[in-house]
Amino acid sequence: MKIFAKILSLSLVAVLLCATLVACAPAKNADDALKALEDNGYTAVNSNLVGAAGLAAAGIKGVDSVVTGTKTEKKDDKTTVETVTIIYFTDADAAKTAEEKVSGQSDKEKKDNESDWVFARSGKMIYFGTKAAVKAAR
């Protein structure tokens, strides 16, 4: 019985950890992410056709839409730029296939930004940017 209780406890911890990680992702819908960014003071754009065409030219297929958001903040005479890019794909397989190519683009943008940086794939979306911007897109 003790072994069963330990296994059950471990399973519950694993489920809660997964739920916590998923809660950090931006909204699953491009329109919801766009609205959330705008509500949090970000300049946000949903570039459906232009973003998809640009990524297709780079060899990334199956893009549904691309949402980007930026916000400049000044604290204690220090200016920081919070930014996020969310790429929504037509299905999870397309996102998985494109993950490596998109991570290269994320690395390029990360070099220009000294803040905490996030890169992740969640279902049929890939997102990258500063932690604050990703949180604002929820």
N, C-alpha and C. Protein backbone atom coordinates (compact mmCIF):
# COMPACT_ATOMS: atom_id res chain seq x y z
N MET A 1 0.81 -1.19 0.00
CA MET A 1 0.00 0.00 0.00
C MET A 1 0.86 1.26 0.00
N LYS A 2 2.01 1.22 0.72
CA LYS A 2 2.90 2.38 0.74
C LYS A 2 3.47 2.67 -0.64
N ILE A 3 3.77 1.62 -1.38
CA ILE A 3 4.32 1.79 -2.73
C ILE A 3 3.27 2.44 -3.63
N PHE A 4 2.03 2.01 -3.52
CA PHE A 4 0.95 2.59 -4.31
C PHE A 4 0.79 4.07 -3.99
N ALA A 5 0.87 4.44 -2.71
CA ALA A 5 0.73 5.84 -2.30
C ALA A 5 1.89 6.67 -2.85
N LYS A 6 3.10 6.12 -2.85
CA LYS A 6 4.25 6.84 -3.40
C LYS A 6 4.10 7.06 -4.90
N ILE A 7 3.66 6.02 -5.60
CA ILE A 7 3.47 6.12 -7.05
C ILE A 7 2.38 7.14 -7.37
N LEU A 8 1.30 7.10 -6.62
CA LEU A 8 0.21 8.05 -6.82
C LEU A 8 0.67 9.48 -6.55
N SER A 9 1.44 9.68 -5.49
CA SER A 9 1.95 11.01 -5.17
C SER A 9 2.88 11.53 -6.26
N LEU A 10 3.76 10.68 -6.73
CA LEU A 10 4.68 11.06 -7.79
C LEU A 10 3.93 11.41 -9.07
N SER A 11 2.89 10.63 -9.37
CA SER A 11 2.08 10.91 -10.56
C SER A 11 1.39 12.26 -10.46
N LEU A 12 0.86 12.59 -9.31
CA LEU A 12 0.20 13.88 -9.12
C LEU A 12 1.18 15.03 -9.25
N VAL A 13 2.39 14.86 -8.74
CA VAL A 13 3.40 15.90 -8.88
C VAL A 13 3.74 16.10 -10.35
N ALA A 14 3.87 15.01 -11.10
CA ALA A 14 4.18 15.11 -12.53
C ALA A 14 3.07 15.84 -13.28
N VAL A 15 1.83 15.54 -12.98
CA VAL A 15 0.69 16.20 -13.64
C VAL A 15 0.68 17.69 -13.32
N LEU A 16 0.90 18.04 -12.06
CA LEU A 16 0.90 19.45 -11.68
C LEU A 16 2.07 20.21 -12.31
N LEU A 17 3.21 19.55 -12.44
CA LEU A 17 4.36 20.18 -13.09
C LEU A 17 4.06 20.46 -14.56
N CYS A 18 3.45 19.50 -15.23
CA CYS A 18 3.08 19.70 -16.64
C CYS A 18 2.08 20.85 -16.78
N ALA A 19 1.13 20.92 -15.89
CA ALA A 19 0.13 22.00 -15.93
C ALA A 19 0.80 23.35 -15.71
N THR A 20 1.79 23.40 -14.84
CA THR A 20 2.51 24.64 -14.58
C THR A 20 3.28 25.08 -15.81
N LEU A 21 3.95 24.15 -16.48
CA LEU A 21 4.71 24.49 -17.66
C LEU A 21 3.83 24.97 -18.80
N VAL A 22 2.68 24.36 -18.97
CA VAL A 22 1.75 24.77 -20.02
C VAL A 22 1.18 26.14 -19.72
N ALA A 23 1.00 26.46 -18.45
CA ALA A 23 0.44 27.76 -18.07
C ALA A 23 1.36 28.91 -18.43
N CYS A 24 2.63 28.65 -18.68
CA CYS A 24 3.58 29.70 -19.04
C CYS A 24 3.51 30.07 -20.51
N ALA A 25 2.85 29.28 -21.30
CA ALA A 25 2.79 29.51 -22.75
C ALA A 25 1.82 30.64 -23.08
N PRO A 26 2.03 31.29 -24.21
CA PRO A 26 1.08 32.32 -24.67
C PRO A 26 -0.28 31.70 -25.02
N ALA A 27 -1.22 32.55 -25.32
CA ALA A 27 -2.56 32.08 -25.69
C ALA A 27 -2.49 31.16 -26.90
N LYS A 28 -3.36 30.17 -26.93
CA LYS A 28 -3.36 29.19 -28.01
C LYS A 28 -3.93 29.75 -29.32
N ASN A 29 -4.58 30.88 -29.24
CA ASN A 29 -5.19 31.52 -30.40
C ASN A 29 -4.47 32.83 -30.69
N ALA A 30 -4.14 33.10 -31.94
CA ALA A 30 -3.40 34.30 -32.32
C ALA A 30 -4.15 35.57 -31.93
N ASP A 31 -5.44 35.60 -32.12
CA ASP A 31 -6.22 36.80 -31.79
C ASP A 31 -6.21 37.07 -30.29
N ASP A 32 -6.28 35.99 -29.48
CA ASP A 32 -6.25 36.16 -28.02
C ASP A 32 -4.88 36.67 -27.56
N ALA A 33 -3.82 36.16 -28.17
CA ALA A 33 -2.46 36.61 -27.82
C ALA A 33 -2.29 38.08 -28.20
N LEU A 34 -2.79 38.46 -29.36
CA LEU A 34 -2.70 39.84 -29.82
C LEU A 34 -3.42 40.78 -28.85
N LYS A 35 -4.62 40.40 -28.45
CA LYS A 35 -5.40 41.21 -27.52
C LYS A 35 -4.71 41.30 -26.16
N ALA A 36 -4.17 40.18 -25.67
CA ALA A 36 -3.48 40.18 -24.38
C ALA A 36 -2.26 41.10 -24.40
N LEU A 37 -1.51 41.05 -25.48
CA LEU A 37 -0.33 41.93 -25.60
C LEU A 37 -0.75 43.39 -25.61
N GLU A 38 -1.76 43.72 -26.39
CA GLU A 38 -2.23 45.11 -26.46
C GLU A 38 -2.77 45.58 -25.11
N ASP A 39 -3.49 44.70 -24.40
CA ASP A 39 -4.01 45.05 -23.08
C ASP A 39 -2.90 45.31 -22.07
N ASN A 40 -1.73 44.71 -22.29
CA ASN A 40 -0.59 44.89 -21.39
C ASN A 40 0.37 45.98 -21.86
N GLY A 41 -0.05 46.79 -22.82
CA GLY A 41 0.73 47.94 -23.25
C GLY A 41 1.78 47.66 -24.32
N TYR A 42 1.69 46.52 -24.97
CA TYR A 42 2.64 46.17 -26.02
C TYR A 42 2.14 46.66 -27.37
N THR A 43 3.07 46.99 -28.25
CA THR A 43 2.73 47.24 -29.64
C THR A 43 2.74 45.88 -30.31
N ALA A 44 1.58 45.41 -30.73
CA ALA A 44 1.46 44.04 -31.23
C ALA A 44 0.93 44.02 -32.66
N VAL A 45 1.42 43.03 -33.42
CA VAL A 45 1.02 42.88 -34.82
C VAL A 45 0.76 41.41 -35.09
N ASN A 46 -0.32 41.12 -35.82
CA ASN A 46 -0.59 39.77 -36.29
C ASN A 46 -0.39 39.78 -37.80
N SER A 47 0.72 39.23 -38.23
CA SER A 47 1.04 39.24 -39.67
C SER A 47 0.75 37.88 -40.27
N ASN A 48 -0.51 37.64 -40.59
CA ASN A 48 -0.92 36.34 -41.12
C ASN A 48 -0.21 35.96 -42.41
N LEU A 49 -0.47 36.67 -43.48
CA LEU A 49 0.09 36.30 -44.78
C LEU A 49 1.54 36.69 -44.94
N VAL A 50 1.91 37.88 -44.50
CA VAL A 50 3.28 38.35 -44.67
C VAL A 50 4.25 37.49 -43.86
N GLY A 51 3.90 37.21 -42.61
CA GLY A 51 4.76 36.38 -41.76
C GLY A 51 4.89 34.97 -42.29
N ALA A 52 3.77 34.40 -42.72
CA ALA A 52 3.80 33.03 -43.26
C ALA A 52 4.61 32.97 -44.54
N ALA A 53 4.49 33.97 -45.40
CA ALA A 53 5.25 33.99 -46.65
C ALA A 53 6.74 34.13 -46.38
N GLY A 54 7.09 34.99 -45.43
CA GLY A 54 8.50 35.19 -45.09
C GLY A 54 9.13 33.93 -44.52
N LEU A 55 8.40 33.24 -43.66
CA LEU A 55 8.92 32.01 -43.07
C LEU A 55 8.98 30.89 -44.11
N ALA A 56 8.01 30.86 -45.02
CA ALA A 56 8.03 29.85 -46.08
C ALA A 56 9.26 30.05 -46.96
N ALA A 57 9.63 31.30 -47.22
CA ALA A 57 10.83 31.58 -48.00
C ALA A 57 12.09 31.09 -47.28
N ALA A 58 12.03 31.04 -45.95
CA ALA A 58 13.16 30.55 -45.16
C ALA A 58 13.11 29.04 -44.98
N GLY A 59 12.13 28.39 -45.62
CA GLY A 59 12.03 26.93 -45.55
C GLY A 59 11.18 26.41 -44.41
N ILE A 60 10.41 27.28 -43.77
CA ILE A 60 9.54 26.87 -42.66
C ILE A 60 8.12 26.80 -43.19
N LYS A 61 7.57 25.61 -43.22
CA LYS A 61 6.25 25.36 -43.84
C LYS A 61 5.17 25.20 -42.77
N GLY A 62 3.93 25.38 -43.19
CA GLY A 62 2.77 25.13 -42.34
C GLY A 62 2.46 26.24 -41.36
N VAL A 63 2.90 27.46 -41.63
CA VAL A 63 2.65 28.58 -40.73
C VAL A 63 1.24 29.12 -40.95
N ASP A 64 0.50 29.28 -39.86
CA ASP A 64 -0.85 29.83 -39.92
C ASP A 64 -0.80 31.34 -39.71
N SER A 65 -0.13 31.78 -38.65
CA SER A 65 0.02 33.22 -38.40
C SER A 65 1.21 33.47 -37.47
N VAL A 66 1.64 34.72 -37.46
CA VAL A 66 2.77 35.13 -36.64
C VAL A 66 2.36 36.38 -35.85
N VAL A 67 2.48 36.32 -34.53
CA VAL A 67 2.17 37.46 -33.68
C VAL A 67 3.46 37.95 -33.05
N THR A 68 3.71 39.24 -33.15
CA THR A 68 4.88 39.83 -32.50
C THR A 68 4.43 40.97 -31.61
N GLY A 69 5.16 41.16 -30.53
CA GLY A 69 4.85 42.26 -29.62
C GLY A 69 6.12 42.82 -29.01
N THR A 70 6.17 44.14 -28.87
CA THR A 70 7.32 44.79 -28.25
C THR A 70 6.84 45.90 -27.32
N LYS A 71 7.66 46.14 -26.32
CA LYS A 71 7.36 47.19 -25.36
C LYS A 71 8.69 47.69 -24.80
N THR A 72 8.88 49.00 -24.78
CA THR A 72 10.09 49.59 -24.22
C THR A 72 9.76 50.15 -22.85
N GLU A 73 10.57 49.76 -21.87
CA GLU A 73 10.37 50.22 -20.51
C GLU A 73 11.64 50.89 -20.01
N LYS A 74 11.45 51.92 -19.22
CA LYS A 74 12.60 52.63 -18.65
C LYS A 74 12.48 52.58 -17.13
N LYS A 75 13.48 51.97 -16.50
CA LYS A 75 13.51 51.87 -15.04
C LYS A 75 14.91 52.25 -14.57
N ASP A 76 14.97 53.17 -13.63
CA ASP A 76 16.24 53.57 -13.03
C ASP A 76 17.28 53.95 -14.09
N ASP A 77 16.90 54.80 -15.02
CA ASP A 77 17.78 55.25 -16.11
C ASP A 77 18.30 54.12 -16.98
N LYS A 78 17.61 53.00 -16.98
CA LYS A 78 17.99 51.87 -17.84
C LYS A 78 16.80 51.52 -18.72
N THR A 79 17.03 51.46 -20.02
CA THR A 79 15.96 51.15 -20.96
C THR A 79 16.05 49.69 -21.36
N THR A 80 14.93 48.99 -21.24
CA THR A 80 14.87 47.59 -21.66
C THR A 80 13.76 47.42 -22.69
N VAL A 81 13.97 46.50 -23.60
CA VAL A 81 12.97 46.20 -24.62
C VAL A 81 12.48 44.78 -24.38
N GLU A 82 11.19 44.67 -24.12
CA GLU A 82 10.56 43.36 -23.95
C GLU A 82 9.96 42.99 -25.30
N THR A 83 10.21 41.77 -25.76
CA THR A 83 9.74 41.36 -27.08
C THR A 83 9.33 39.90 -27.06
N VAL A 84 8.36 39.57 -27.91
CA VAL A 84 7.91 38.18 -28.06
C VAL A 84 7.50 37.96 -29.51
N THR A 85 7.79 36.76 -30.00
CA THR A 85 7.33 36.32 -31.32
C THR A 85 6.66 34.97 -31.13
N ILE A 86 5.44 34.86 -31.61
CA ILE A 86 4.68 33.61 -31.50
C ILE A 86 4.32 33.17 -32.90
N ILE A 87 4.74 31.97 -33.27
CA ILE A 87 4.44 31.43 -34.59
C ILE A 87 3.43 30.32 -34.42
N TYR A 88 2.26 30.51 -34.99
CA TYR A 88 1.19 29.51 -34.94
C TYR A 88 1.24 28.68 -36.22
N PHE A 89 1.27 27.36 -36.08
CA PHE A 89 1.32 26.46 -37.22
C PHE A 89 -0.04 25.81 -37.44
N THR A 90 -0.20 25.21 -38.61
CA THR A 90 -1.47 24.55 -38.93
C THR A 90 -1.66 23.29 -38.09
N ASP A 91 -0.56 22.63 -37.71
CA ASP A 91 -0.66 21.45 -36.84
C ASP A 91 0.64 21.28 -36.05
N ALA A 92 0.60 20.41 -35.05
CA ALA A 92 1.74 20.20 -34.16
C ALA A 92 2.93 19.59 -34.89
N ASP A 93 2.68 18.77 -35.91
CA ASP A 93 3.79 18.17 -36.66
C ASP A 93 4.60 19.23 -37.40
N ALA A 94 3.92 20.22 -37.97
CA ALA A 94 4.62 21.30 -38.67
C ALA A 94 5.47 22.10 -37.68
N ALA A 95 4.95 22.33 -36.48
CA ALA A 95 5.70 23.06 -35.46
C ALA A 95 6.94 22.27 -35.04
N LYS A 96 6.77 20.98 -34.88
CA LYS A 96 7.89 20.14 -34.47
C LYS A 96 8.97 20.11 -35.55
N THR A 97 8.56 20.04 -36.80
CA THR A 97 9.51 20.02 -37.92
C THR A 97 10.27 21.34 -38.01
N ALA A 98 9.62 22.44 -37.74
CA ALA A 98 10.23 23.77 -37.88
C ALA A 98 11.02 24.21 -36.66
N GLU A 99 10.95 23.47 -35.59
CA GLU A 99 11.54 23.91 -34.32
C GLU A 99 13.03 24.26 -34.42
N GLU A 100 13.79 23.44 -35.09
CA GLU A 100 15.24 23.68 -35.19
C GLU A 100 15.55 24.96 -35.97
N LYS A 101 14.85 25.18 -37.08
CA LYS A 101 15.09 26.39 -37.88
C LYS A 101 14.67 27.65 -37.12
N VAL A 102 13.55 27.57 -36.42
CA VAL A 102 13.06 28.72 -35.67
C VAL A 102 14.00 29.01 -34.50
N SER A 103 14.58 27.97 -33.92
CA SER A 103 15.49 28.19 -32.80
C SER A 103 16.72 28.98 -33.24
N GLY A 104 17.15 28.82 -34.48
CA GLY A 104 18.25 29.62 -35.01
C GLY A 104 17.91 31.10 -35.05
N GLN A 105 16.69 31.41 -35.47
CA GLN A 105 16.23 32.81 -35.48
C GLN A 105 16.15 33.35 -34.06
N SER A 106 15.68 32.53 -33.14
CA SER A 106 15.60 32.94 -31.74
C SER A 106 16.98 33.26 -31.18
N ASP A 107 17.97 32.44 -31.52
CA ASP A 107 19.33 32.68 -31.05
C ASP A 107 19.89 34.00 -31.56
N LYS A 108 19.55 34.36 -32.80
CA LYS A 108 20.00 35.64 -33.35
C LYS A 108 19.41 36.81 -32.56
N GLU A 109 18.13 36.73 -32.24
CA GLU A 109 17.48 37.81 -31.50
C GLU A 109 17.93 37.83 -30.04
N LYS A 110 18.25 36.68 -29.51
CA LYS A 110 18.70 36.59 -28.11
C LYS A 110 20.00 37.35 -27.90
N LYS A 111 20.88 37.33 -28.89
CA LYS A 111 22.17 38.03 -28.78
C LYS A 111 21.97 39.52 -28.59
N ASP A 112 20.90 40.07 -29.15
CA ASP A 112 20.63 41.50 -29.05
C ASP A 112 19.91 41.88 -27.76
N ASN A 113 19.50 40.90 -26.98
CA ASN A 113 18.68 41.17 -25.81
C ASN A 113 19.32 40.53 -24.59
N GLU A 114 19.60 41.31 -23.57
CA GLU A 114 20.26 40.80 -22.38
C GLU A 114 19.29 40.29 -21.32
N SER A 115 18.00 40.41 -21.53
CA SER A 115 17.00 39.99 -20.55
C SER A 115 16.88 38.47 -20.51
N ASP A 116 16.05 37.99 -19.61
CA ASP A 116 15.75 36.56 -19.55
C ASP A 116 15.07 36.16 -20.85
N TRP A 117 15.56 35.13 -21.49
CA TRP A 117 15.06 34.72 -22.80
C TRP A 117 14.41 33.35 -22.71
N VAL A 118 13.32 33.19 -23.42
CA VAL A 118 12.56 31.94 -23.44
C VAL A 118 12.42 31.48 -24.89
N PHE A 119 12.61 30.19 -25.12
CA PHE A 119 12.29 29.58 -26.41
C PHE A 119 11.60 28.26 -26.11
N ALA A 120 10.40 28.06 -26.69
CA ALA A 120 9.68 26.81 -26.43
C ALA A 120 8.69 26.51 -27.55
N ARG A 121 8.34 25.24 -27.63
CA ARG A 121 7.27 24.78 -28.53
C ARG A 121 6.19 24.20 -27.65
N SER A 122 4.96 24.60 -27.91
CA SER A 122 3.82 24.10 -27.15
C SER A 122 2.70 23.78 -28.13
N GLY A 123 2.44 22.51 -28.32
CA GLY A 123 1.40 22.10 -29.26
C GLY A 123 1.75 22.54 -30.67
N LYS A 124 0.89 23.38 -31.26
CA LYS A 124 1.13 23.82 -32.63
C LYS A 124 1.63 25.26 -32.71
N MET A 125 2.34 25.69 -31.65
CA MET A 125 2.96 27.01 -31.69
C MET A 125 4.39 26.95 -31.17
N ILE A 126 5.20 27.86 -31.68
CA ILE A 126 6.55 28.06 -31.18
C ILE A 126 6.63 29.52 -30.78
N TYR A 127 7.18 29.78 -29.61
CA TYR A 127 7.30 31.15 -29.17
C TYR A 127 8.69 31.40 -28.59
N PHE A 128 9.13 32.63 -28.74
CA PHE A 128 10.40 33.03 -28.13
C PHE A 128 10.37 34.51 -27.83
N GLY A 129 11.11 34.88 -26.80
CA GLY A 129 11.18 36.27 -26.39
C GLY A 129 11.53 36.38 -24.93
N THR A 130 11.38 37.57 -24.39
CA THR A 130 11.67 37.77 -22.97
C THR A 130 10.54 37.18 -22.12
N LYS A 131 10.89 36.80 -20.91
CA LYS A 131 9.90 36.17 -20.03
C LYS A 131 8.70 37.07 -19.78
N ALA A 132 8.94 38.35 -19.58
CA ALA A 132 7.84 39.29 -19.32
C ALA A 132 6.90 39.38 -20.51
N ALA A 133 7.44 39.40 -21.71
CA ALA A 133 6.61 39.50 -22.91
C ALA A 133 5.80 38.23 -23.13
N VAL A 134 6.41 37.08 -22.89
CA VAL A 134 5.69 35.81 -23.03
C VAL A 134 4.55 35.77 -22.03
N LYS A 135 4.81 36.20 -20.82
CA LYS A 135 3.77 36.22 -19.78
C LYS A 135 2.64 37.17 -20.17
N ALA A 136 2.97 38.29 -20.80
CA ALA A 136 1.95 39.26 -21.22
C ALA A 136 1.06 38.74 -22.33
N ALA A 137 1.54 37.74 -23.08
CA ALA A 137 0.77 37.21 -24.21
C ALA A 137 -0.22 36.13 -23.79
N ARG A 138 -0.34 35.87 -22.50
CA ARG A 138 -1.28 34.83 -22.04
C ARG A 138 -2.69 35.33 -22.01
